[in-house]
Amino acid sequence: MKPIHLQSLLNAHEDLSTISFERYLQQFSMDKIRDSELNDLKQLLKQFNHLSYVPLHQFFVGYRIKQISKEFDLLRIGRNYIINIELKRESSLKRIKRQLLQNIYYLKFLELDIYSFTYISSTNTLYRLDGENLLPVSPTKLIETLNKQIVRQLSNIDDLFDPINYLLSPLEEPHAFMKGEYFLTAPQTTFKKEIVDLVENNYSIVIDGAPGTGKTLLTYDLVKHWLREGRKVILIHGNTLSKAQCILSEQYGWNIQTSERIAIKNSDIVVIDEAQRLSYKHLQHIRQQLEAQKIPAVFSLDAGFYLFEKDHKIDVLGYLVKHFSPKVYELKMVMRYNKEMYTFAQQLIDQKSQFQYEYFPNVSVKYFSTRKDAQSFFAESQRSKWLVVNCFEYERFIKRDILGKEFNHVCVIIDENFIYKANGRLSAPGKGTVIDPMKILYHTIVRTRKKLQLVVIGNIPVLQYALHTLNN
């Protein structure tokens, strides 16, 4: 998005036709603005009519941080501080304060002081957030703040905001999670309210979502909500406990169990995280205990993965729907991903991808003729704290609880088992495994946070296309 002059915005709206005005906004990469919002802005600017000069340039209007859709009405970035102005026709002081505090959370990563205002057009009142206090102020205070700001010339505000900063995971930052340093998206908030009401009436729930959709955050937020209400909650994790889960258990008193030791007596609610990793035996055991005690359950899972028992696969979601008749909530929008890695994965896997001519400064390719030749490289990478991923070693991932997590530095092996099919899509038909190696490859790449090394072993066609993608 590009900045705009506020008076220019209003003049264009008043003088141009609807189609021409929309085209005018397009040059600034601005979405369509509601007439009511422009009327609120017009009302605010009327407060400055008596002044000969008001700095109204370099405002970003309706800016949304990508991937999380957090929106700011008016944002002006300076070298010394940031100004945020929210426009409302009417609102309560409680809601105004809550919104401005949330905005500060998203802006604080720019490491500048933040001046936050809200203008209520129906009462012609301007408020400023001072610490935790909301104070009515005169328009003069806003003008003074604008005049003292050393405005920063930005051609694209997206360059300042890294969505990764705002996508907290309770399994990566348990203390920040417990302090509440996160916000749920609109779908997560809606789902949470409905799930709380349904569980209160003894209904079971399924939260379905692929890695990166916010499934784990919603699940753990529900557990925290119920614990704070004094409910007895048991959280069952379908694998060994991570360091973060041990912290939640030992320092915050969460009752977290693994699938190897399930005891759900004397509980009000049972939450099963990563339910697709449970064995059929564990599912049966949990089902029997829940039915015997008439306890509602929340199953959090990725329905794209299947449970394998004796060479045949079991649809875990289908099993739960059949035996529990749950309400299923599906999170679809992938939020937790690095855009660079996501785009690279799309282009690597599909030669006809719509993503073209991207820049990948954090992706590199290494080539070795044989796996033996690459051994010293892998050993050095692991000593340097890089995660080395062989997409055909699913059991190893399960044991180490790697799938679904994020890592800063990752090496992904592409050997002779990967080929490009006639339709231009990458495939891995060479070996059988309980999870499609392509799925492991894709999710490993998109959940890489900082640096990715593609280690190609003896596979010239994939090497050539990977280099072609990087050189574009």
Protein backbone atom coordinates (compact mmCIF):
# COMPACT_ATOMS: atom_id res chain seq x y z
CA MET A 1 0.00 0.00 0.00
CA LYS A 2 1.10 3.55 -0.78
CA PRO A 3 0.41 6.65 1.36
CA ILE A 4 -2.18 9.25 0.39
CA HIS A 5 -3.03 12.87 1.30
CA LEU A 6 -6.24 12.86 3.33
CA GLN A 7 -7.69 15.97 1.69
CA SER A 8 -6.92 14.51 -1.73
CA LEU A 9 -8.81 11.37 -0.72
CA LEU A 10 -11.90 13.35 0.25
CA ASN A 11 -11.79 15.57 -2.84
CA ALA A 12 -11.53 12.56 -5.13
CA HIS A 13 -14.50 10.96 -3.41
CA GLU A 14 -16.61 14.09 -3.82
CA ASP A 15 -15.68 14.98 -7.42
CA LEU A 16 -15.19 11.63 -9.17
CA SER A 17 -17.67 9.02 -10.30
CA THR A 18 -17.79 5.75 -8.39
CA ILE A 19 -15.75 3.91 -11.04
CA SER A 20 -13.17 6.71 -11.32
CA PHE A 21 -12.84 6.90 -7.55
CA GLU A 22 -12.19 3.17 -7.32
CA ARG A 23 -9.51 3.49 -10.00
CA TYR A 24 -8.01 6.40 -8.09
CA LEU A 25 -7.74 4.21 -4.97
CA GLN A 26 -6.17 1.36 -6.93
CA GLN A 27 -2.99 3.32 -7.55
CA PHE A 28 -2.49 3.38 -3.77
CA SER A 29 -3.40 -0.33 -3.45
CA MET A 30 -6.33 0.70 -1.25
CA ASP A 31 -9.49 -1.34 -0.78
CA LYS A 32 -12.89 0.21 -1.30
CA ILE A 33 -13.74 2.60 1.55
CA ARG A 34 -17.25 2.83 2.96
CA ASP A 35 -19.00 6.18 2.64
CA SER A 36 -19.59 6.23 6.40
CA GLU A 37 -15.83 6.05 7.04
CA LEU A 38 -15.17 8.90 4.62
CA ASN A 39 -17.88 10.94 6.31
CA ASP A 40 -16.20 10.37 9.69
CA LEU A 41 -12.89 11.50 8.18
CA LYS A 42 -14.54 14.57 6.66
CA GLN A 43 -16.02 15.45 10.05
CA LEU A 44 -12.58 15.17 11.66
CA LEU A 45 -10.89 17.41 9.10
CA LYS A 46 -13.56 20.07 9.62
CA GLN A 47 -12.02 20.62 13.04
CA PHE A 48 -8.94 22.02 11.27
CA ASN A 49 -10.66 24.41 8.84
CA HIS A 50 -9.51 27.48 10.76
CA LEU A 51 -5.86 26.53 10.32
CA SER A 52 -3.80 27.60 7.33
CA TYR A 53 -1.76 24.40 7.28
CA VAL A 54 -2.34 20.89 8.56
CA PRO A 55 0.08 18.03 7.72
CA LEU A 56 -2.30 15.56 6.07
CA HIS A 57 0.19 13.84 3.76
CA GLN A 58 1.77 10.39 4.05
CA PHE A 59 -1.24 8.69 5.65
CA PHE A 60 -1.96 5.02 5.10
CA VAL A 61 -5.72 4.55 5.07
CA GLY A 62 -7.32 1.22 5.95
CA TYR A 63 -3.97 -0.59 6.08
CA ARG A 64 -4.12 -4.31 6.89
CA ILE A 65 -1.17 -6.40 7.98
CA LYS A 66 -0.97 -9.27 5.54
CA GLN A 67 -1.97 -12.80 6.62
CA ILE A 68 -3.66 -11.64 9.82
CA SER A 69 -5.93 -8.89 8.42
CA LYS A 70 -5.32 -6.50 11.31
CA GLU A 71 -6.63 -3.14 10.09
CA PHE A 72 -5.76 0.45 11.04
CA ASP A 73 -8.03 3.32 9.94
CA LEU A 74 -5.32 5.99 9.68
CA LEU A 75 -1.64 5.30 10.15
CA ARG A 76 1.29 7.71 9.75
CA ILE A 77 4.83 6.44 10.20
CA GLY A 78 7.52 8.83 11.38
CA ARG A 79 11.18 8.49 12.15
CA ASN A 80 10.56 9.62 15.73
CA TYR A 81 7.12 8.12 16.41
CA ILE A 82 3.96 6.59 14.94
CA ILE A 83 0.50 8.18 14.83
CA ASN A 84 -2.59 5.97 14.75
CA ILE A 85 -6.07 7.50 14.43
CA GLU A 86 -9.21 5.36 14.57
CA LEU A 87 -12.52 6.72 13.24
CA LYS A 88 -15.86 5.81 14.79
CA ARG A 89 -19.36 7.12 14.40
CA GLU A 90 -20.08 5.97 17.94
CA SER A 91 -18.49 3.61 20.43
CA SER A 92 -18.07 2.97 24.12
CA LEU A 93 -14.96 4.07 25.98
CA LYS A 94 -14.23 0.45 26.86
CA ARG A 95 -14.22 -0.63 23.22
CA ILE A 96 -12.14 2.39 22.17
CA LYS A 97 -9.50 1.62 24.79
CA ARG A 98 -9.40 -2.08 23.92
CA GLN A 99 -8.89 -1.37 20.23
CA LEU A 100 -6.13 1.18 20.77
CA LEU A 101 -4.29 -1.16 23.14
CA GLN A 102 -4.53 -3.93 20.56
CA ASN A 103 -3.18 -1.59 17.91
CA ILE A 104 -0.21 -0.75 20.11
CA TYR A 105 0.57 -4.46 20.41
CA TYR A 106 0.84 -4.73 16.62
CA LEU A 107 2.78 -1.48 16.20
CA LYS A 108 5.28 -1.98 19.01
CA PHE A 109 7.49 -4.21 16.83
CA LEU A 110 8.52 -1.09 14.90
CA GLU A 111 10.29 0.01 18.11
CA LEU A 112 8.99 3.58 18.05
CA ASP A 113 6.79 5.59 20.41
CA ILE A 114 3.11 5.37 19.48
CA TYR A 115 0.51 8.14 19.72
CA SER A 116 -2.99 6.68 19.58
CA PHE A 117 -6.20 8.65 18.95
CA THR A 118 -9.86 7.84 18.32
CA TYR A 119 -12.33 10.30 16.84
CA ILE A 120 -16.09 9.86 17.51
CA SER A 121 -18.00 11.76 14.83
CA SER A 122 -21.46 11.57 16.45
CA THR A 123 -20.23 13.47 19.52
CA ASN A 124 -17.38 15.32 17.79
CA THR A 125 -15.01 14.02 20.47
CA LEU A 126 -11.33 13.15 20.19
CA TYR A 127 -9.67 10.75 22.61
CA ARG A 128 -6.00 9.96 23.20
CA LEU A 129 -4.59 6.87 24.89
CA ASP A 130 -2.15 7.84 27.64
CA GLY A 131 -0.65 4.63 29.02
CA GLU A 132 -3.67 2.68 30.23
CA ASN A 133 -5.87 5.79 30.43
CA LEU A 134 -8.20 7.15 27.76
CA LEU A 135 -8.36 10.96 27.85
CA PRO A 136 -10.50 13.44 25.90
CA VAL A 137 -8.29 15.95 24.10
CA SER A 138 -8.77 18.94 21.81
CA PRO A 139 -7.97 18.79 18.07
CA THR A 140 -5.05 21.07 18.87
CA LYS A 141 -3.28 18.18 20.59
CA LEU A 142 -3.54 16.07 17.45
CA ILE A 143 -2.23 18.93 15.30
CA GLU A 144 0.75 19.41 17.61
CA THR A 145 1.54 15.71 17.39
CA LEU A 146 1.32 15.76 13.59
CA ASN A 147 3.52 18.85 13.29
CA LYS A 148 6.27 17.44 15.49
CA GLN A 149 6.40 14.13 13.67
CA ILE A 150 9.36 13.65 11.34
CA VAL A 151 7.45 11.81 8.67
CA ARG A 152 9.09 8.85 6.98
CA GLN A 153 8.78 8.56 3.21
CA LEU A 154 7.54 5.05 2.49
CA SER A 155 6.57 3.63 -0.87
CA ASN A 156 5.23 0.38 0.57
CA ILE A 157 4.25 -0.02 4.21
CA ASP A 158 4.27 -3.82 3.92
CA ASP A 159 8.06 -3.67 4.10
CA LEU A 160 7.80 -2.69 7.78
CA PHE A 161 5.48 -5.41 8.98
CA ASP A 162 6.54 -9.04 9.27
CA PRO A 163 3.43 -11.14 10.01
CA ILE A 164 5.62 -13.72 11.77
CA ASN A 165 5.98 -11.23 14.68
CA TYR A 166 2.29 -11.48 15.49
CA LEU A 167 1.64 -15.19 15.03
CA LEU A 168 2.46 -16.53 18.48
CA SER A 169 2.45 -20.27 19.10
CA PRO A 170 1.88 -21.60 22.64
CA LEU A 171 4.26 -24.44 21.78
CA GLU A 172 7.04 -21.97 20.97
CA GLU A 173 6.40 -19.16 23.48
CA PRO A 174 4.45 -20.56 26.45
CA HIS A 175 5.17 -17.63 28.81
CA ALA A 176 4.04 -15.02 26.26
CA PHE A 177 0.96 -17.16 25.62
CA MET A 178 0.07 -17.29 29.30
CA LYS A 179 0.55 -13.52 29.56
CA GLY A 180 -2.01 -13.11 26.79
CA GLU A 181 0.38 -11.50 24.32
CA TYR A 182 -1.67 -12.56 21.30
CA PHE A 183 -5.03 -11.96 19.65
CA LEU A 184 -7.37 -14.38 17.95
CA THR A 185 -8.49 -13.77 14.39
CA ALA A 186 -12.18 -13.09 13.65
CA PRO A 187 -12.86 -16.77 12.70
CA GLN A 188 -11.02 -18.00 15.80
CA THR A 189 -13.00 -15.62 18.03
CA THR A 190 -16.31 -16.72 16.50
CA PHE A 191 -15.40 -20.39 16.80
CA LYS A 192 -14.30 -19.93 20.42
CA LYS A 193 -17.61 -18.40 21.48
CA GLU A 194 -19.62 -21.14 19.80
CA ILE A 195 -17.38 -23.93 21.13
CA VAL A 196 -17.61 -22.64 24.71
CA ASP A 197 -21.42 -22.57 24.46
CA LEU A 198 -21.62 -26.07 22.94
CA VAL A 199 -19.24 -27.66 25.44
CA GLU A 200 -21.26 -26.05 28.23
CA ASN A 201 -24.20 -28.08 26.91
CA ASN A 202 -22.11 -31.28 26.82
CA TYR A 203 -21.49 -31.40 23.06
CA SER A 204 -18.19 -32.69 21.68
CA ILE A 205 -16.20 -30.62 19.19
CA VAL A 206 -13.68 -31.17 16.41
CA ILE A 207 -11.27 -28.37 15.43
CA ASP A 208 -9.83 -29.25 12.03
CA GLY A 209 -7.01 -27.34 10.39
CA ALA A 210 -3.82 -27.83 8.43
CA PRO A 211 -0.49 -26.64 9.92
CA GLY A 212 -0.38 -22.86 10.14
CA THR A 213 -4.13 -22.21 10.37
CA GLY A 214 -4.11 -21.31 14.07
CA LYS A 215 -5.62 -24.60 15.22
CA THR A 216 -3.20 -25.06 18.13
CA LEU A 217 -3.55 -21.47 19.35
CA LEU A 218 -7.35 -21.75 19.42
CA THR A 219 -7.17 -25.12 21.17
CA TYR A 220 -4.80 -23.91 23.87
CA ASP A 221 -6.70 -20.64 24.28
CA LEU A 222 -9.83 -22.69 25.01
CA VAL A 223 -7.97 -24.71 27.63
CA LYS A 224 -6.70 -21.51 29.27
CA HIS A 225 -10.22 -20.03 29.20
CA TRP A 226 -11.76 -23.03 30.94
CA LEU A 227 -8.98 -23.29 33.52
CA ARG A 228 -9.46 -19.63 34.46
CA GLU A 229 -13.16 -20.35 34.92
CA GLY A 230 -12.25 -23.06 37.41
CA ARG A 231 -13.11 -26.01 35.16
CA LYS A 232 -11.15 -29.24 35.48
CA VAL A 233 -9.54 -29.70 32.07
CA ILE A 234 -7.32 -32.54 30.89
CA LEU A 235 -5.21 -31.91 27.79
CA ILE A 236 -4.09 -35.07 25.98
CA HIS A 237 -1.28 -34.69 23.46
CA GLY A 238 -0.87 -37.35 20.78
CA ASN A 239 2.89 -37.53 21.20
CA THR A 240 5.72 -36.95 23.67
CA LEU A 241 5.48 -33.66 25.55
CA SER A 242 7.51 -30.73 24.27
CA LYS A 243 9.51 -28.33 26.44
CA ALA A 244 6.71 -25.76 26.22
CA GLN A 245 4.10 -28.28 27.34
CA CYS A 246 6.27 -29.23 30.30
CA ILE A 247 6.44 -25.53 31.22
CA LEU A 248 2.64 -25.24 31.03
CA SER A 249 2.34 -28.32 33.21
CA GLU A 250 5.03 -27.61 35.79
CA GLN A 251 4.82 -23.81 36.07
CA TYR A 252 1.18 -23.09 35.29
CA GLY A 253 -0.50 -26.20 36.62
CA TRP A 254 -1.93 -27.61 33.39
CA ASN A 255 -2.90 -31.28 33.45
CA ILE A 256 -1.24 -32.50 30.24
CA GLN A 257 -1.07 -36.19 29.46
CA THR A 258 0.41 -38.21 26.61
CA SER A 259 -1.37 -40.97 24.76
CA GLU A 260 0.72 -43.49 26.69
CA ARG A 261 -0.96 -42.54 29.97
CA ILE A 262 -4.58 -41.46 29.71
CA ALA A 263 -6.63 -41.03 32.88
CA ILE A 264 -9.59 -38.71 32.53
CA LYS A 265 -11.44 -39.31 35.79
CA ASN A 266 -12.63 -36.33 37.84
CA SER A 267 -12.53 -33.93 34.90
CA ASP A 268 -15.08 -31.59 33.34
CA ILE A 269 -13.63 -31.32 29.84
CA VAL A 270 -11.12 -33.38 27.87
CA VAL A 271 -9.11 -31.73 25.07
CA ILE A 272 -7.17 -33.94 22.67
CA ASP A 273 -4.44 -32.15 20.74
CA GLU A 274 -2.98 -33.71 17.55
CA ALA A 275 -5.71 -36.36 17.65
CA GLN A 276 -4.64 -37.74 14.26
CA ARG A 277 -1.51 -39.11 15.94
CA LEU A 278 -3.39 -41.35 18.35
CA SER A 279 -3.54 -45.07 17.67
CA TYR A 280 -6.84 -46.82 17.08
CA LYS A 281 -6.42 -48.43 20.50
CA HIS A 282 -6.03 -45.02 22.15
CA LEU A 283 -9.09 -43.65 20.35
CA GLN A 284 -11.15 -46.59 21.55
CA HIS A 285 -9.88 -46.15 25.12
CA ILE A 286 -10.69 -42.42 25.14
CA ARG A 287 -14.11 -43.08 23.64
CA GLN A 288 -15.00 -45.65 26.32
CA GLN A 289 -13.96 -43.32 29.16
CA LEU A 290 -15.80 -40.33 27.74
CA GLU A 291 -18.99 -42.32 27.21
CA ALA A 292 -18.80 -43.83 30.69
CA GLN A 293 -18.34 -40.45 32.39
CA LYS A 294 -20.43 -38.39 29.96
CA ILE A 295 -17.67 -35.81 29.56
CA PRO A 296 -17.55 -33.48 26.52
CA ALA A 297 -14.39 -33.55 24.43
CA VAL A 298 -12.61 -31.23 22.03
CA PHE A 299 -10.56 -33.01 19.35
CA SER A 300 -7.97 -30.84 17.60
CA LEU A 301 -6.54 -32.43 14.45
CA ASP A 302 -5.38 -32.18 10.88
CA ALA A 303 -7.88 -34.24 8.88
CA GLY A 304 -5.39 -34.39 6.00
CA PHE A 305 -3.41 -37.02 7.92
CA TYR A 306 -4.61 -40.58 8.38
CA LEU A 307 -4.08 -43.12 11.15
CA PHE A 308 -2.43 -46.29 9.88
CA GLU A 309 -3.12 -49.68 11.46
CA LYS A 310 -1.78 -52.93 9.96
CA ASP A 311 -1.23 -51.56 6.46
CA HIS A 312 -4.61 -49.87 6.14
CA LYS A 313 -5.51 -46.30 6.92
CA ILE A 314 -8.23 -45.04 9.22
CA ASP A 315 -9.98 -41.73 8.68
CA VAL A 316 -9.71 -40.22 12.18
CA LEU A 317 -12.20 -37.45 11.43
CA GLY A 318 -14.65 -40.03 10.08
CA TYR A 319 -14.20 -42.12 13.22
CA LEU A 320 -14.91 -39.14 15.47
CA VAL A 321 -17.96 -38.06 13.47
CA LYS A 322 -19.37 -41.60 13.60
CA HIS A 323 -18.90 -42.18 17.32
CA PHE A 324 -19.17 -38.68 18.87
CA SER A 325 -21.47 -36.76 16.46
CA PRO A 326 -19.39 -33.61 17.08
CA LYS A 327 -19.77 -30.14 15.69
CA VAL A 328 -16.83 -29.71 13.28
CA TYR A 329 -15.06 -26.35 13.00
CA GLU A 330 -12.58 -26.02 10.12
CA LEU A 331 -9.88 -23.37 10.08
CA LYS A 332 -8.94 -22.78 6.45
CA MET A 333 -6.80 -19.65 6.18
CA VAL A 334 -3.10 -20.37 6.63
CA MET A 335 -1.68 -17.63 8.85
CA ARG A 336 1.54 -18.97 10.26
CA TYR A 337 3.81 -19.05 7.26
CA ASN A 338 6.76 -17.20 5.87
CA LYS A 339 5.62 -15.68 2.58
CA GLU A 340 9.00 -16.27 0.93
CA MET A 341 9.01 -19.96 1.89
CA TYR A 342 5.36 -20.38 0.96
CA THR A 343 5.93 -18.94 -2.51
CA PHE A 344 9.08 -21.00 -3.04
CA ALA A 345 7.23 -24.19 -2.06
CA GLN A 346 4.46 -23.39 -4.55
CA GLN A 347 6.93 -22.86 -7.39
CA LEU A 348 9.11 -25.87 -6.53
CA ILE A 349 6.18 -28.27 -6.34
CA ASP A 350 4.28 -26.96 -9.36
CA GLN A 351 6.20 -25.75 -12.43
CA LYS A 352 2.99 -24.09 -13.64
CA SER A 353 2.46 -22.20 -10.41
CA GLN A 354 0.80 -18.79 -10.64
CA PHE A 355 3.61 -17.39 -8.48
CA GLN A 356 6.37 -16.18 -10.75
CA TYR A 357 9.54 -14.08 -10.60
CA GLU A 358 9.80 -13.90 -6.84
CA TYR A 359 12.97 -13.10 -4.92
CA PHE A 360 14.24 -15.77 -2.52
CA PRO A 361 17.20 -14.35 -0.57
CA ASN A 362 16.81 -16.89 2.26
CA VAL A 363 16.72 -20.01 0.09
CA SER A 364 19.81 -21.78 -1.24
CA VAL A 365 20.50 -25.04 -3.06
CA LYS A 366 23.30 -27.50 -2.37
CA TYR A 367 24.10 -30.41 -4.72
CA PHE A 368 25.84 -33.73 -3.98
CA SER A 369 26.22 -36.77 -6.24
CA THR A 370 25.48 -39.31 -3.51
CA ARG A 371 24.18 -39.38 0.03
CA LYS A 372 27.63 -40.51 1.19
CA ASP A 373 29.14 -37.35 -0.30
CA ALA A 374 26.62 -35.27 1.63
CA GLN A 375 27.22 -36.88 5.04
CA SER A 376 29.84 -34.39 6.22
CA PHE A 377 27.60 -31.51 5.15
CA PHE A 378 24.67 -32.95 7.13
CA ALA A 379 26.87 -33.47 10.19
CA GLU A 380 28.14 -29.88 10.06
CA SER A 381 24.61 -28.54 9.55
CA GLN A 382 23.33 -30.41 12.60
CA ARG A 383 26.22 -29.12 14.69
CA SER A 384 25.18 -25.62 13.62
CA LYS A 385 21.61 -26.28 14.85
CA TRP A 386 20.04 -26.80 11.43
CA LEU A 387 17.19 -29.29 11.18
CA VAL A 388 17.92 -31.90 8.49
CA VAL A 389 14.74 -33.39 7.03
CA ASN A 390 14.45 -36.60 5.01
CA CYS A 391 10.82 -36.68 3.86
CA PHE A 392 10.75 -40.49 3.90
CA GLU A 393 11.61 -40.82 7.59
CA TYR A 394 8.11 -40.27 9.00
CA GLU A 395 8.64 -42.43 12.08
CA ARG A 396 11.64 -40.32 13.06
CA PHE A 397 9.52 -37.17 12.83
CA ILE A 398 6.83 -38.70 15.02
CA LYS A 399 9.38 -39.70 17.63
CA ARG A 400 10.95 -36.24 17.68
CA ASP A 401 7.59 -34.45 17.37
CA ILE A 402 8.80 -32.41 14.41
CA LEU A 403 5.72 -32.30 12.19
CA GLY A 404 3.65 -29.14 12.64
CA LYS A 405 6.42 -27.20 14.37
CA GLU A 406 8.48 -24.28 13.10
CA PHE A 407 12.25 -24.11 12.83
CA ASN A 408 14.55 -21.21 11.99
CA HIS A 409 17.09 -23.12 9.88
CA VAL A 410 16.13 -26.15 7.81
CA CYS A 411 17.84 -28.48 5.31
CA VAL A 412 15.43 -30.50 3.16
CA ILE A 413 16.76 -33.49 1.22
CA ILE A 414 15.61 -33.97 -2.39
CA ASP A 415 16.93 -37.31 -3.66
CA GLU A 416 16.23 -39.57 -6.65
CA ASN A 417 12.81 -40.52 -5.25
CA PHE A 418 11.38 -37.14 -6.31
CA ILE A 419 10.37 -36.62 -9.95
CA TYR A 420 8.44 -34.10 -12.01
CA LYS A 421 5.42 -35.64 -13.70
CA ALA A 422 4.21 -34.72 -17.18
CA ASN A 423 1.85 -32.12 -15.71
CA GLY A 424 4.78 -30.28 -14.12
CA ARG A 425 4.03 -31.30 -10.53
CA LEU A 426 6.66 -32.74 -8.23
CA SER A 427 5.90 -36.25 -7.00
CA ALA A 428 7.52 -38.88 -4.76
CA PRO A 429 6.33 -42.29 -5.96
CA GLY A 430 9.55 -44.14 -5.22
CA LYS A 431 8.89 -45.38 -1.67
CA GLY A 432 5.90 -46.18 0.48
CA THR A 433 5.36 -44.37 3.76
CA VAL A 434 2.43 -43.77 6.07
CA ILE A 435 2.33 -40.09 5.10
CA ASP A 436 2.85 -38.75 1.61
CA PRO A 437 6.47 -37.46 1.47
CA MET A 438 5.19 -34.55 -0.64
CA LYS A 439 3.04 -33.42 2.27
CA ILE A 440 6.05 -33.56 4.60
CA LEU A 441 8.15 -31.64 2.04
CA TYR A 442 5.54 -28.92 1.61
CA HIS A 443 4.79 -28.36 5.29
CA THR A 444 8.48 -28.42 6.22
CA ILE A 445 9.29 -25.70 3.71
CA VAL A 446 6.36 -23.39 4.49
CA ARG A 447 7.01 -23.61 8.23
CA THR A 448 10.67 -22.63 7.90
CA ARG A 449 10.99 -19.27 9.65
CA LYS A 450 14.37 -17.92 8.46
CA LYS A 451 16.72 -19.97 6.26
CA LEU A 452 16.13 -22.94 3.96
CA GLN A 453 18.70 -25.11 2.21
CA LEU A 454 17.48 -27.50 -0.46
CA VAL A 455 19.95 -30.39 -0.52
CA VAL A 456 19.65 -32.13 -3.89
CA ILE A 457 21.29 -35.57 -4.13
CA GLY A 458 21.88 -36.95 -7.61
CA ASN A 459 18.66 -35.47 -8.99
CA ILE A 460 19.68 -33.22 -11.90
CA PRO A 461 16.15 -32.36 -13.18
CA VAL A 462 15.01 -31.08 -9.78
CA LEU A 463 18.32 -29.24 -9.31
CA GLN A 464 17.94 -27.48 -12.65
CA TYR A 465 14.40 -26.37 -11.94
CA ALA A 466 15.26 -25.23 -8.40
CA LEU A 467 18.11 -23.11 -9.77
CA HIS A 468 15.83 -21.73 -12.46
CA THR A 469 13.32 -20.73 -9.78
CA LEU A 470 15.99 -19.02 -7.65
CA ASN A 471 17.62 -17.24 -10.57
CA ASN A 472 14.28 -15.76 -11.64
